[in-house]
Amino acid sequence: MTIAIVFLFLCLLIIRLLSTLEQDLVNTMLSEGLTIIGWVAMWEPVYVFLYR
């Protein structure tokens, strides 16, 4: 679970750094992609934590 939280934190940190750059299509796509990847990485740890 800790690894997933750290990974989500890193994804959100990278998104914050990308937001300081000029907003264009590539930055928007990277930001949205990192958001999705970060939350997908949390699926299994949250499932284990809540339901097992």
N, C-alpha and C. Protein backbone atom coordinates (compact mmCIF):
# COMPACT_ATOMS: atom_id res chain seq x y z
N MET A 1 0.83 -1.19 0.00
CA MET A 1 0.00 0.00 0.00
C MET A 1 0.87 1.25 0.00
N THR A 2 1.97 1.20 0.74
CA THR A 2 2.84 2.36 0.83
C THR A 2 3.45 2.71 -0.53
N ILE A 3 3.83 1.70 -1.28
CA ILE A 3 4.41 1.94 -2.60
C ILE A 3 3.40 2.62 -3.51
N ALA A 4 2.15 2.18 -3.45
CA ALA A 4 1.11 2.78 -4.29
C ALA A 4 0.86 4.23 -3.91
N ILE A 5 0.88 4.53 -2.62
CA ILE A 5 0.66 5.91 -2.17
C ILE A 5 1.82 6.79 -2.62
N VAL A 6 3.03 6.30 -2.51
CA VAL A 6 4.20 7.05 -2.96
C VAL A 6 4.13 7.28 -4.47
N PHE A 7 3.73 6.25 -5.21
CA PHE A 7 3.60 6.38 -6.67
C PHE A 7 2.53 7.41 -7.02
N LEU A 8 1.39 7.38 -6.34
CA LEU A 8 0.34 8.38 -6.57
C LEU A 8 0.85 9.77 -6.25
N PHE A 9 1.58 9.92 -5.15
CA PHE A 9 2.15 11.21 -4.78
C PHE A 9 3.10 11.72 -5.86
N LEU A 10 3.95 10.83 -6.39
CA LEU A 10 4.88 11.24 -7.44
C LEU A 10 4.14 11.66 -8.71
N CYS A 11 3.08 10.92 -9.06
CA CYS A 11 2.28 11.30 -10.22
C CYS A 11 1.67 12.69 -10.03
N LEU A 12 1.12 12.94 -8.84
CA LEU A 12 0.51 14.24 -8.58
C LEU A 12 1.55 15.35 -8.54
N LEU A 13 2.75 15.04 -8.05
CA LEU A 13 3.83 16.02 -8.04
C LEU A 13 4.25 16.38 -9.46
N ILE A 14 4.38 15.39 -10.32
CA ILE A 14 4.73 15.64 -11.72
C ILE A 14 3.65 16.46 -12.41
N ILE A 15 2.38 16.16 -12.10
CA ILE A 15 1.28 16.95 -12.67
C ILE A 15 1.39 18.40 -12.24
N ARG A 16 1.72 18.62 -10.98
CA ARG A 16 1.86 20.00 -10.47
C ARG A 16 3.01 20.71 -11.19
N LEU A 17 4.11 20.00 -11.42
CA LEU A 17 5.23 20.60 -12.13
C LEU A 17 4.87 20.90 -13.58
N LEU A 18 4.11 20.02 -14.21
CA LEU A 18 3.68 20.25 -15.59
C LEU A 18 2.74 21.45 -15.69
N SER A 19 1.98 21.70 -14.63
CA SER A 19 1.03 22.82 -14.66
C SER A 19 1.73 24.17 -14.65
N THR A 20 3.01 24.19 -14.24
CA THR A 20 3.74 25.46 -14.26
C THR A 20 4.24 25.81 -15.66
N LEU A 21 4.26 24.81 -16.54
CA LEU A 21 4.68 25.04 -17.92
C LEU A 21 3.52 25.58 -18.74
N GLU A 22 3.83 25.96 -19.95
CA GLU A 22 2.79 26.46 -20.85
C GLU A 22 1.76 25.37 -21.11
N GLN A 23 0.49 25.73 -21.01
CA GLN A 23 -0.59 24.75 -21.20
C GLN A 23 -0.81 24.52 -22.69
N ASP A 24 -0.49 23.33 -23.13
CA ASP A 24 -0.79 22.92 -24.49
C ASP A 24 -1.35 21.52 -24.45
N LEU A 25 -1.64 20.98 -25.59
CA LEU A 25 -2.30 19.68 -25.67
C LEU A 25 -1.45 18.57 -25.05
N VAL A 26 -0.15 18.60 -25.29
CA VAL A 26 0.74 17.54 -24.77
C VAL A 26 0.76 17.57 -23.24
N ASN A 27 0.89 18.75 -22.65
CA ASN A 27 0.91 18.85 -21.19
C ASN A 27 -0.42 18.39 -20.59
N THR A 28 -1.51 18.76 -21.23
CA THR A 28 -2.82 18.33 -20.74
C THR A 28 -2.96 16.82 -20.82
N MET A 29 -2.52 16.23 -21.93
CA MET A 29 -2.60 14.78 -22.08
C MET A 29 -1.72 14.07 -21.05
N LEU A 30 -0.52 14.57 -20.83
CA LEU A 30 0.37 13.97 -19.82
C LEU A 30 -0.23 14.08 -18.43
N SER A 31 -0.80 15.23 -18.10
CA SER A 31 -1.39 15.43 -16.79
C SER A 31 -2.56 14.48 -16.56
N GLU A 32 -3.44 14.39 -17.52
CA GLU A 32 -4.60 13.50 -17.38
C GLU A 32 -4.16 12.04 -17.34
N GLY A 33 -3.19 11.68 -18.16
CA GLY A 33 -2.68 10.32 -18.17
C GLY A 33 -2.04 9.94 -16.84
N LEU A 34 -1.27 10.85 -16.25
CA LEU A 34 -0.65 10.57 -14.96
C LEU A 34 -1.69 10.46 -13.85
N THR A 35 -2.75 11.25 -13.94
CA THR A 35 -3.83 11.14 -12.96
C THR A 35 -4.46 9.75 -13.02
N ILE A 36 -4.76 9.30 -14.22
CA ILE A 36 -5.37 7.98 -14.39
C ILE A 36 -4.43 6.88 -13.93
N ILE A 37 -3.17 6.95 -14.33
CA ILE A 37 -2.19 5.93 -13.94
C ILE A 37 -2.01 5.88 -12.42
N GLY A 38 -1.99 7.05 -11.80
CA GLY A 38 -1.83 7.10 -10.34
C GLY A 38 -2.98 6.43 -9.62
N TRP A 39 -4.20 6.68 -10.06
CA TRP A 39 -5.35 6.07 -9.40
C TRP A 39 -5.48 4.58 -9.73
N VAL A 40 -5.12 4.20 -10.94
CA VAL A 40 -5.15 2.78 -11.28
C VAL A 40 -4.15 2.01 -10.42
N ALA A 41 -3.02 2.62 -10.13
CA ALA A 41 -2.03 1.98 -9.27
C ALA A 41 -2.57 1.76 -7.86
N MET A 42 -3.57 2.51 -7.46
CA MET A 42 -4.15 2.38 -6.12
C MET A 42 -5.25 1.33 -6.04
N TRP A 43 -5.77 0.83 -7.16
CA TRP A 43 -6.90 -0.09 -7.14
C TRP A 43 -6.65 -1.32 -6.28
N GLU A 44 -5.62 -2.06 -6.56
CA GLU A 44 -5.37 -3.31 -5.84
C GLU A 44 -5.07 -3.07 -4.36
N PRO A 45 -4.21 -2.11 -4.00
CA PRO A 45 -3.97 -1.88 -2.57
C PRO A 45 -5.24 -1.46 -1.82
N VAL A 46 -6.08 -0.66 -2.43
CA VAL A 46 -7.32 -0.26 -1.76
C VAL A 46 -8.26 -1.46 -1.63
N TYR A 47 -8.33 -2.29 -2.65
CA TYR A 47 -9.15 -3.49 -2.60
C TYR A 47 -8.69 -4.39 -1.46
N VAL A 48 -7.40 -4.61 -1.37
CA VAL A 48 -6.86 -5.47 -0.30
C VAL A 48 -7.14 -4.85 1.06
N PHE A 49 -6.95 -3.55 1.18
CA PHE A 49 -7.14 -2.86 2.46
C PHE A 49 -8.60 -2.90 2.91
N LEU A 50 -9.54 -2.73 2.00
CA LEU A 50 -10.94 -2.63 2.38
C LEU A 50 -11.67 -3.97 2.44
N TYR A 51 -11.33 -4.90 1.58
CA TYR A 51 -12.15 -6.09 1.44
C TYR A 51 -11.49 -7.40 1.85
N ARG A 52 -10.25 -7.38 2.25
CA ARG A 52 -9.61 -8.64 2.68
C ARG A 52 -9.26 -8.58 4.13
